[in-house]
């Protein structure tokens, strides 16, 4: 797995556990994870005050060189879904069938990218209507894998979510 590289999107108000738990678990697997924000080497603060410093900028990163992408929840997806470059990245990973991990409110980004029609997903129940209105088939489950899209509801589901993301990345 040392050759695998994953982008983790960040902006202020990310859900702290939904960023750091996946990043640390993937790094334990030997996967290179690049924290990617609007600016490189910028400090972003999570909902609960845990900071993250971006390694690169999503405006300049060559995302086609990566094997997967993670979108943490929190309130940051509401910002990220408005950025054309982010939507371009998500659409690329979808077209190439590369793993896309989304948890909690991260479904908003996939909705705005227009990739959920007919896809089985889960999310925080708070955006269930948004997901179904975008054409997704929503399930109340800890984790749902539909091809290359791995989704989860909230932090307590992380132990079930990460093995599925890692398994999909290894394929």
N, C-alpha and C. Protein backbone atom coordinates (compact mmCIF):
# COMPACT_ATOMS: atom_id res chain seq x y z
N UNK A 1 0.82 -1.20 0.00
CA UNK A 1 0.00 0.00 0.00
C UNK A 1 0.86 1.26 0.00
N UNK A 2 2.16 1.15 0.10
CA UNK A 2 3.00 2.34 0.18
C UNK A 2 2.93 3.17 -1.10
N UNK A 3 2.49 2.59 -2.19
CA UNK A 3 2.42 3.35 -3.43
C UNK A 3 1.11 4.12 -3.58
N UNK A 4 0.15 3.89 -2.70
CA UNK A 4 -1.15 4.56 -2.80
C UNK A 4 -1.08 5.96 -2.22
N UNK A 5 -1.80 6.88 -2.86
CA UNK A 5 -1.86 8.27 -2.40
C UNK A 5 -3.31 8.73 -2.39
N UNK A 6 -3.69 9.40 -1.29
CA UNK A 6 -5.07 9.84 -1.09
C UNK A 6 -5.09 11.31 -0.73
N UNK A 7 -6.05 12.03 -1.29
CA UNK A 7 -6.30 13.42 -0.94
C UNK A 7 -7.35 13.44 0.17
N UNK A 8 -7.10 14.24 1.21
CA UNK A 8 -8.09 14.50 2.25
C UNK A 8 -8.40 15.99 2.17
N UNK A 9 -9.64 16.32 1.83
CA UNK A 9 -10.03 17.73 1.69
C UNK A 9 -10.26 18.36 3.06
N UNK A 10 -9.78 19.59 3.22
CA UNK A 10 -10.01 20.30 4.48
C UNK A 10 -10.38 21.76 4.22
N UNK A 11 -11.18 22.27 5.10
CA UNK A 11 -11.47 23.70 5.22
C UNK A 11 -11.92 23.89 6.66
N UNK A 12 -12.08 25.10 7.09
CA UNK A 12 -12.48 25.34 8.47
C UNK A 12 -13.81 24.66 8.78
N UNK A 13 -13.95 24.27 10.02
CA UNK A 13 -15.15 23.62 10.54
C UNK A 13 -15.34 22.19 10.05
N UNK A 14 -14.21 21.52 9.65
CA UNK A 14 -14.30 20.09 9.37
C UNK A 14 -14.62 19.38 10.69
N UNK A 15 -15.22 18.20 10.61
CA UNK A 15 -15.48 17.41 11.81
C UNK A 15 -14.16 16.74 12.19
N UNK A 16 -13.63 17.09 13.33
CA UNK A 16 -12.28 16.71 13.73
C UNK A 16 -12.02 15.20 13.59
N UNK A 17 -12.88 14.37 14.17
CA UNK A 17 -12.66 12.92 14.10
C UNK A 17 -12.80 12.40 12.67
N UNK A 18 -13.69 12.98 11.90
CA UNK A 18 -13.93 12.50 10.53
C UNK A 18 -12.78 12.84 9.58
N UNK A 19 -11.92 13.76 9.99
CA UNK A 19 -10.68 14.00 9.24
C UNK A 19 -9.56 13.15 9.82
N UNK A 20 -9.29 13.31 11.13
CA UNK A 20 -8.08 12.74 11.70
C UNK A 20 -8.11 11.22 11.83
N UNK A 21 -9.23 10.62 12.17
CA UNK A 21 -9.27 9.16 12.28
C UNK A 21 -8.91 8.51 10.93
N UNK A 22 -9.56 8.90 9.82
CA UNK A 22 -9.18 8.31 8.53
C UNK A 22 -7.73 8.61 8.14
N UNK A 23 -7.27 9.83 8.35
CA UNK A 23 -5.90 10.18 7.97
C UNK A 23 -4.91 9.29 8.72
N UNK A 24 -5.08 9.16 10.02
CA UNK A 24 -4.15 8.37 10.81
C UNK A 24 -4.23 6.88 10.47
N UNK A 25 -5.44 6.36 10.27
CA UNK A 25 -5.59 4.94 9.91
C UNK A 25 -4.95 4.65 8.55
N UNK A 26 -5.16 5.53 7.59
CA UNK A 26 -4.56 5.31 6.28
C UNK A 26 -3.04 5.38 6.36
N UNK A 27 -2.53 6.31 7.11
CA UNK A 27 -1.07 6.42 7.27
C UNK A 27 -0.51 5.18 7.97
N UNK A 28 -1.26 4.60 8.90
CA UNK A 28 -0.83 3.35 9.53
C UNK A 28 -0.72 2.23 8.50
N UNK A 29 -1.52 2.30 7.47
CA UNK A 29 -1.49 1.30 6.39
C UNK A 29 -0.38 1.58 5.38
N UNK A 30 0.37 2.67 5.59
CA UNK A 30 1.44 3.03 4.67
C UNK A 30 0.97 3.85 3.48
N UNK A 31 -0.24 4.36 3.55
CA UNK A 31 -0.81 5.15 2.46
C UNK A 31 -0.44 6.62 2.69
N UNK A 32 0.01 7.27 1.65
CA UNK A 32 0.34 8.69 1.73
C UNK A 32 -0.96 9.50 1.66
N UNK A 33 -1.20 10.33 2.66
CA UNK A 33 -2.40 11.16 2.70
C UNK A 33 -1.96 12.62 2.68
N UNK A 34 -2.49 13.36 1.72
CA UNK A 34 -2.16 14.77 1.55
C UNK A 34 -3.36 15.61 1.98
N UNK A 35 -3.20 16.40 3.04
CA UNK A 35 -4.25 17.32 3.46
C UNK A 35 -4.28 18.47 2.47
N UNK A 36 -5.44 18.68 1.88
CA UNK A 36 -5.56 19.62 0.77
C UNK A 36 -6.63 20.66 1.05
N UNK A 37 -6.18 21.91 1.19
CA UNK A 37 -7.08 23.01 1.47
C UNK A 37 -6.99 24.08 0.39
N UNK A 38 -7.67 25.18 0.62
CA UNK A 38 -7.64 26.26 -0.37
C UNK A 38 -6.23 26.78 -0.59
N UNK A 39 -5.45 26.85 0.50
CA UNK A 39 -4.07 27.31 0.42
C UNK A 39 -3.16 26.24 0.99
N UNK A 40 -1.96 26.15 0.45
CA UNK A 40 -0.94 25.25 0.95
C UNK A 40 -0.34 25.82 2.23
N UNK A 41 0.00 24.95 3.17
CA UNK A 41 0.63 25.33 4.44
C UNK A 41 -0.22 26.28 5.26
N UNK A 42 -1.52 26.18 5.12
CA UNK A 42 -2.48 27.02 5.85
C UNK A 42 -3.07 26.22 7.01
N UNK A 43 -3.32 26.88 8.13
CA UNK A 43 -3.93 26.21 9.28
C UNK A 43 -5.45 26.33 9.17
N UNK A 44 -6.12 25.19 9.30
CA UNK A 44 -7.58 25.12 9.33
C UNK A 44 -7.98 24.56 10.68
N UNK A 45 -9.09 25.02 11.21
CA UNK A 45 -9.53 24.63 12.54
C UNK A 45 -10.83 23.82 12.42
N UNK A 46 -10.84 22.67 13.08
CA UNK A 46 -12.01 21.82 13.09
C UNK A 46 -13.10 22.37 13.99
N UNK A 47 -14.28 21.76 13.92
CA UNK A 47 -15.44 22.17 14.72
C UNK A 47 -15.13 22.20 16.22
N UNK A 48 -14.28 21.30 16.66
CA UNK A 48 -13.98 21.21 18.08
C UNK A 48 -12.60 21.76 18.43
N UNK A 49 -12.01 22.51 17.49
CA UNK A 49 -10.77 23.23 17.76
C UNK A 49 -9.48 22.53 17.40
N UNK A 50 -9.56 21.32 16.86
CA UNK A 50 -8.33 20.62 16.48
C UNK A 50 -7.83 21.19 15.15
N UNK A 51 -6.58 21.65 15.12
CA UNK A 51 -6.07 22.24 13.88
C UNK A 51 -5.55 21.19 12.89
N UNK A 52 -5.50 21.58 11.64
CA UNK A 52 -4.88 20.79 10.57
C UNK A 52 -4.18 21.77 9.65
N UNK A 53 -2.97 21.45 9.26
CA UNK A 53 -2.23 22.31 8.33
C UNK A 53 -2.19 21.60 6.98
N UNK A 54 -2.62 22.31 5.97
CA UNK A 54 -2.68 21.71 4.63
C UNK A 54 -1.28 21.46 4.08
N UNK A 55 -1.16 20.35 3.38
CA UNK A 55 0.09 20.02 2.68
C UNK A 55 0.13 20.66 1.30
N UNK A 56 -1.05 20.85 0.71
CA UNK A 56 -1.13 21.36 -0.66
C UNK A 56 -2.45 22.11 -0.82
N UNK A 57 -2.59 22.76 -1.96
CA UNK A 57 -3.80 23.50 -2.30
C UNK A 57 -4.60 22.72 -3.33
N UNK A 58 -5.92 22.66 -3.13
CA UNK A 58 -6.74 21.99 -4.14
C UNK A 58 -6.80 22.78 -5.43
N UNK A 59 -6.34 24.02 -5.40
CA UNK A 59 -6.30 24.83 -6.62
C UNK A 59 -5.12 24.45 -7.51
N UNK A 60 -4.07 23.87 -6.91
CA UNK A 60 -2.88 23.56 -7.71
C UNK A 60 -2.49 22.09 -7.73
N UNK A 61 -3.05 21.28 -6.84
CA UNK A 61 -2.66 19.87 -6.77
C UNK A 61 -3.01 19.15 -8.07
N UNK A 62 -2.13 18.25 -8.48
CA UNK A 62 -2.43 17.42 -9.65
C UNK A 62 -3.20 16.20 -9.16
N UNK A 63 -4.51 16.37 -8.99
CA UNK A 63 -5.34 15.33 -8.38
C UNK A 63 -5.40 14.04 -9.19
N UNK A 64 -5.05 14.10 -10.46
CA UNK A 64 -5.08 12.90 -11.28
C UNK A 64 -3.98 11.92 -10.91
N UNK A 65 -3.03 12.37 -10.10
CA UNK A 65 -1.95 11.50 -9.62
C UNK A 65 -2.33 10.73 -8.37
N UNK A 66 -3.57 10.86 -7.89
CA UNK A 66 -3.98 10.26 -6.63
C UNK A 66 -4.93 9.10 -6.87
N UNK A 67 -4.94 8.19 -5.89
CA UNK A 67 -5.71 6.95 -6.00
C UNK A 67 -7.07 7.01 -5.33
N UNK A 68 -7.30 8.02 -4.49
CA UNK A 68 -8.57 8.14 -3.79
C UNK A 68 -8.70 9.52 -3.18
N UNK A 69 -9.92 9.81 -2.70
CA UNK A 69 -10.18 11.10 -2.08
C UNK A 69 -11.12 10.90 -0.91
N UNK A 70 -10.87 11.65 0.17
CA UNK A 70 -11.70 11.62 1.37
C UNK A 70 -12.32 12.99 1.58
N UNK A 71 -13.62 12.99 1.87
CA UNK A 71 -14.32 14.22 2.20
C UNK A 71 -14.87 14.06 3.61
N UNK A 72 -14.25 14.72 4.60
CA UNK A 72 -14.80 14.65 5.95
C UNK A 72 -16.04 15.52 6.07
N UNK A 73 -16.82 15.25 7.11
CA UNK A 73 -18.03 16.03 7.34
C UNK A 73 -17.76 17.27 8.16
N UNK A 74 -18.72 17.58 8.99
CA UNK A 74 -18.70 18.85 9.71
C UNK A 74 -19.44 19.88 8.87
N UNK A 75 -19.07 21.13 9.06
CA UNK A 75 -19.71 22.19 8.26
C UNK A 75 -18.87 22.53 7.03
N UNK A 76 -17.64 22.04 6.95
CA UNK A 76 -16.80 22.38 5.80
C UNK A 76 -17.38 21.93 4.46
N UNK A 77 -18.13 20.81 4.37
CA UNK A 77 -18.69 20.44 3.07
C UNK A 77 -19.60 21.51 2.47
N UNK A 78 -20.24 22.30 3.34
CA UNK A 78 -21.10 23.37 2.82
C UNK A 78 -20.28 24.41 2.08
N UNK A 79 -19.04 24.60 2.50
CA UNK A 79 -18.13 25.50 1.77
C UNK A 79 -17.53 24.79 0.55
N UNK A 80 -17.02 23.58 0.77
CA UNK A 80 -16.32 22.87 -0.31
C UNK A 80 -17.20 22.63 -1.53
N UNK A 81 -18.49 22.42 -1.33
CA UNK A 81 -19.38 22.13 -2.47
C UNK A 81 -19.60 23.33 -3.38
N UNK A 82 -19.17 24.49 -2.95
CA UNK A 82 -19.30 25.71 -3.76
C UNK A 82 -18.07 26.01 -4.60
N UNK A 83 -17.05 25.17 -4.48
CA UNK A 83 -15.77 25.41 -5.16
C UNK A 83 -15.72 24.57 -6.43
N UNK A 84 -15.73 25.21 -7.61
CA UNK A 84 -15.73 24.44 -8.86
C UNK A 84 -14.59 23.42 -8.96
N UNK A 85 -13.42 23.77 -8.48
CA UNK A 85 -12.27 22.84 -8.56
C UNK A 85 -12.54 21.57 -7.74
N UNK A 86 -13.18 21.70 -6.59
CA UNK A 86 -13.52 20.53 -5.77
C UNK A 86 -14.50 19.64 -6.52
N UNK A 87 -15.51 20.24 -7.11
CA UNK A 87 -16.51 19.46 -7.86
C UNK A 87 -15.85 18.75 -9.04
N UNK A 88 -14.93 19.43 -9.69
CA UNK A 88 -14.16 18.83 -10.80
C UNK A 88 -13.39 17.61 -10.31
N UNK A 89 -12.77 17.74 -9.15
CA UNK A 89 -12.01 16.62 -8.58
C UNK A 89 -12.92 15.43 -8.28
N UNK A 90 -14.05 15.69 -7.63
CA UNK A 90 -14.98 14.61 -7.28
C UNK A 90 -15.50 13.94 -8.56
N UNK A 91 -15.84 14.73 -9.56
CA UNK A 91 -16.31 14.16 -10.83
C UNK A 91 -15.24 13.30 -11.49
N UNK A 92 -14.00 13.74 -11.42
CA UNK A 92 -12.90 12.96 -11.99
C UNK A 92 -12.78 11.61 -11.28
N UNK A 93 -12.74 11.63 -9.95
CA UNK A 93 -12.62 10.37 -9.20
C UNK A 93 -13.80 9.45 -9.49
N UNK A 94 -14.98 10.04 -9.67
CA UNK A 94 -16.15 9.23 -10.00
C UNK A 94 -16.03 8.62 -11.39
N UNK A 95 -15.65 9.42 -12.36
CA UNK A 95 -15.51 8.92 -13.74
C UNK A 95 -14.45 7.83 -13.84
N UNK A 96 -13.38 7.97 -13.06
CA UNK A 96 -12.29 7.00 -13.08
C UNK A 96 -12.52 5.82 -12.14
N UNK A 97 -13.65 5.85 -11.42
CA UNK A 97 -14.00 4.79 -10.47
C UNK A 97 -12.93 4.62 -9.39
N UNK A 98 -12.34 5.73 -8.97
CA UNK A 98 -11.38 5.72 -7.87
C UNK A 98 -12.14 5.97 -6.57
N UNK A 99 -11.68 5.40 -5.46
CA UNK A 99 -12.43 5.52 -4.21
C UNK A 99 -12.70 6.96 -3.77
N UNK A 100 -13.96 7.18 -3.41
CA UNK A 100 -14.42 8.44 -2.84
C UNK A 100 -15.01 8.10 -1.48
N UNK A 101 -14.41 8.61 -0.43
CA UNK A 101 -14.92 8.39 0.92
C UNK A 101 -15.65 9.64 1.39
N UNK A 102 -16.85 9.45 1.89
CA UNK A 102 -17.63 10.57 2.41
C UNK A 102 -18.35 10.16 3.67
N UNK A 103 -18.35 11.06 4.64
CA UNK A 103 -18.98 10.77 5.92
C UNK A 103 -19.77 11.99 6.39
N UNK A 104 -20.91 11.71 7.00
CA UNK A 104 -21.73 12.73 7.63
C UNK A 104 -22.27 13.73 6.60
N UNK A 105 -21.93 15.01 6.75
CA UNK A 105 -22.41 16.04 5.82
C UNK A 105 -21.61 16.11 4.52
N UNK A 106 -20.58 15.29 4.37
CA UNK A 106 -19.77 15.30 3.16
C UNK A 106 -20.60 14.96 1.92
N UNK A 107 -21.73 14.31 2.12
CA UNK A 107 -22.60 14.00 0.99
C UNK A 107 -23.00 15.23 0.20
N UNK A 108 -23.01 16.39 0.84
CA UNK A 108 -23.33 17.63 0.13
C UNK A 108 -22.38 17.87 -1.05
N UNK A 109 -21.11 17.52 -0.86
CA UNK A 109 -20.13 17.74 -1.93
C UNK A 109 -20.45 16.83 -3.12
N UNK A 110 -20.79 15.57 -2.84
CA UNK A 110 -21.12 14.64 -3.91
C UNK A 110 -22.42 15.03 -4.60
N UNK A 111 -23.36 15.57 -3.82
CA UNK A 111 -24.61 16.07 -4.41
C UNK A 111 -24.30 17.18 -5.40
N UNK A 112 -23.51 18.15 -4.97
CA UNK A 112 -23.20 19.29 -5.84
C UNK A 112 -22.37 18.88 -7.05
N UNK A 113 -21.62 17.78 -6.92
CA UNK A 113 -20.86 17.26 -8.06
C UNK A 113 -21.76 16.50 -9.03
N UNK A 114 -23.00 16.22 -8.62
CA UNK A 114 -23.96 15.57 -9.51
C UNK A 114 -23.68 14.11 -9.79
N UNK A 115 -23.15 13.38 -8.81
CA UNK A 115 -22.74 11.99 -9.08
C UNK A 115 -23.56 10.93 -8.34
N UNK A 116 -24.63 11.30 -7.66
CA UNK A 116 -25.30 10.35 -6.78
C UNK A 116 -26.53 9.65 -7.35
N UNK A 117 -26.95 9.98 -8.54
CA UNK A 117 -28.16 9.36 -9.09
C UNK A 117 -28.00 7.84 -9.14
N UNK A 118 -28.89 7.14 -8.43
CA UNK A 118 -28.88 5.68 -8.43
C UNK A 118 -27.83 5.05 -7.55
N UNK A 119 -27.09 5.83 -6.78
CA UNK A 119 -26.01 5.31 -5.94
C UNK A 119 -26.56 5.04 -4.52
N UNK A 120 -26.22 3.88 -3.97
CA UNK A 120 -26.55 3.54 -2.58
C UNK A 120 -25.59 4.26 -1.65
N UNK A 121 -26.13 5.00 -0.69
CA UNK A 121 -25.30 5.77 0.23
C UNK A 121 -25.93 5.81 1.62
N UNK A 122 -25.14 6.32 2.55
CA UNK A 122 -25.64 6.74 3.84
C UNK A 122 -25.00 8.08 4.15
N UNK A 123 -25.48 8.71 5.20
CA UNK A 123 -24.98 10.01 5.64
C UNK A 123 -25.59 10.28 7.00
N UNK A 124 -25.28 11.45 7.55
CA UNK A 124 -26.03 11.84 8.71
C UNK A 124 -27.50 11.93 8.31
N UNK A 125 -28.41 11.48 9.14
CA UNK A 125 -29.82 11.56 8.77
C UNK A 125 -30.29 12.99 8.46
N UNK A 126 -29.57 13.97 8.95
CA UNK A 126 -29.93 15.37 8.70
C UNK A 126 -29.92 15.77 7.25
N UNK A 127 -29.16 15.04 6.40
CA UNK A 127 -29.16 15.37 4.97
C UNK A 127 -29.74 14.25 4.11
N UNK A 128 -30.48 13.36 4.77
CA UNK A 128 -31.14 12.26 4.04
C UNK A 128 -31.98 12.79 2.88
N UNK A 129 -32.81 13.82 3.13
CA UNK A 129 -33.66 14.37 2.06
C UNK A 129 -32.82 14.95 0.93
N UNK A 130 -31.73 15.62 1.27
CA UNK A 130 -30.84 16.17 0.23
C UNK A 130 -30.29 15.04 -0.64
N UNK A 131 -29.88 13.95 0.01
CA UNK A 131 -29.30 12.81 -0.72
C UNK A 131 -30.35 12.18 -1.64
N UNK A 132 -31.54 11.93 -1.11
CA UNK A 132 -32.57 11.29 -1.94
C UNK A 132 -33.05 12.23 -3.04
N UNK A 133 -33.14 13.50 -2.76
CA UNK A 133 -33.54 14.47 -3.80
C UNK A 133 -32.50 14.55 -4.92
N UNK A 134 -31.25 14.18 -4.61
CA UNK A 134 -30.20 14.15 -5.63
C UNK A 134 -30.20 12.83 -6.40
N UNK A 135 -31.11 11.94 -6.04
CA UNK A 135 -31.23 10.67 -6.77
C UNK A 135 -30.55 9.49 -6.10
N UNK A 136 -29.94 9.71 -4.93
CA UNK A 136 -29.28 8.62 -4.22
C UNK A 136 -30.32 7.71 -3.57
N UNK A 137 -29.91 6.49 -3.29
CA UNK A 137 -30.72 5.54 -2.55
C UNK A 137 -30.12 5.50 -1.15
N UNK A 138 -30.82 6.13 -0.19
CA UNK A 138 -30.27 6.33 1.14
C UNK A 138 -30.61 5.17 2.07
N UNK A 139 -29.61 4.78 2.87
CA UNK A 139 -29.77 3.70 3.85
C UNK A 139 -29.32 4.20 5.22
N UNK A 140 -29.99 3.78 6.26
CA UNK A 140 -29.57 4.09 7.62
C UNK A 140 -28.66 2.95 8.09
N UNK A 141 -27.39 3.07 7.75
CA UNK A 141 -26.41 2.02 8.06
C UNK A 141 -25.08 2.69 8.39
N UNK A 142 -24.25 1.98 9.13
CA UNK A 142 -22.95 2.53 9.53
C UNK A 142 -22.07 2.83 8.33
N UNK A 143 -22.10 1.97 7.34
CA UNK A 143 -21.29 2.17 6.13
C UNK A 143 -22.00 1.52 4.96
N UNK A 144 -21.92 2.18 3.82
CA UNK A 144 -22.44 1.64 2.57
C UNK A 144 -21.33 1.77 1.53
N UNK A 145 -21.07 0.68 0.82
CA UNK A 145 -20.13 0.71 -0.29
C UNK A 145 -20.92 0.43 -1.55
N UNK A 146 -20.86 1.35 -2.50
CA UNK A 146 -21.48 1.15 -3.80
C UNK A 146 -20.39 1.38 -4.83
N UNK A 147 -19.75 0.30 -5.23
CA UNK A 147 -18.62 0.42 -6.16
C UNK A 147 -17.47 1.15 -5.48
N UNK A 148 -17.14 2.30 -6.00
CA UNK A 148 -16.01 3.09 -5.51
C UNK A 148 -16.42 4.18 -4.52
N UNK A 149 -17.70 4.29 -4.21
CA UNK A 149 -18.18 5.30 -3.27
C UNK A 149 -18.46 4.63 -1.92
N UNK A 150 -17.74 5.10 -0.90
CA UNK A 150 -17.87 4.55 0.44
C UNK A 150 -18.41 5.67 1.32
N UNK A 151 -19.56 5.42 1.95
CA UNK A 151 -20.18 6.47 2.75
C UNK A 151 -20.47 5.96 4.15
N UNK A 152 -20.52 6.92 5.09
CA UNK A 152 -20.78 6.58 6.47
C UNK A 152 -21.57 7.71 7.13
N UNK A 153 -22.18 7.42 8.29
CA UNK A 153 -23.08 8.38 8.91
C UNK A 153 -22.39 9.40 9.80
N UNK A 154 -21.54 8.93 10.73
CA UNK A 154 -21.03 9.84 11.77
C UNK A 154 -19.83 9.20 12.47
N UNK A 155 -19.15 9.94 13.37
CA UNK A 155 -17.93 9.42 14.00
C UNK A 155 -18.03 8.03 14.64
N UNK A 156 -19.12 7.65 15.34
CA UNK A 156 -19.13 6.30 15.91
C UNK A 156 -19.03 5.18 14.86
N UNK A 157 -19.28 5.51 13.60
CA UNK A 157 -19.22 4.51 12.53
C UNK A 157 -17.83 4.39 11.89
N UNK A 158 -16.89 5.22 12.32
CA UNK A 158 -15.55 5.21 11.72
C UNK A 158 -14.88 3.84 11.72
N UNK A 159 -14.97 3.03 12.79
CA UNK A 159 -14.32 1.72 12.76
C UNK A 159 -14.87 0.77 11.69
N UNK A 160 -16.10 1.01 11.23
CA UNK A 160 -16.66 0.20 10.14
C UNK A 160 -16.36 0.83 8.77
N UNK A 161 -16.26 2.15 8.74
CA UNK A 161 -16.05 2.91 7.50
C UNK A 161 -14.64 2.73 6.93
N UNK A 162 -13.63 2.87 7.79
CA UNK A 162 -12.25 2.85 7.29
C UNK A 162 -11.85 1.52 6.67
N UNK A 163 -12.19 0.37 7.26
CA UNK A 163 -11.82 -0.89 6.60
C UNK A 163 -12.42 -1.00 5.18
N UNK A 164 -13.64 -0.50 5.00
CA UNK A 164 -14.26 -0.56 3.66
C UNK A 164 -13.54 0.37 2.69
N UNK A 165 -13.15 1.57 3.16
CA UNK A 165 -12.41 2.48 2.29
C UNK A 165 -11.06 1.86 1.91
N UNK A 166 -10.37 1.31 2.90
CA UNK A 166 -9.05 0.70 2.64
C UNK A 166 -9.20 -0.49 1.69
N UNK A 167 -10.20 -1.32 1.91
CA UNK A 167 -10.44 -2.47 1.03
C UNK A 167 -10.68 -2.01 -0.41
N UNK A 168 -11.48 -0.97 -0.58
CA UNK A 168 -11.77 -0.46 -1.92
C UNK A 168 -10.51 0.14 -2.54
N UNK A 169 -9.71 0.81 -1.76
CA UNK A 169 -8.46 1.41 -2.26
C UNK A 169 -7.48 0.33 -2.72
N UNK A 170 -7.48 -0.81 -2.05
CA UNK A 170 -6.55 -1.90 -2.39
C UNK A 170 -6.93 -2.60 -3.69
N UNK A 171 -8.19 -2.48 -4.11
CA UNK A 171 -8.65 -3.19 -5.33
C UNK A 171 -8.04 -2.58 -6.58
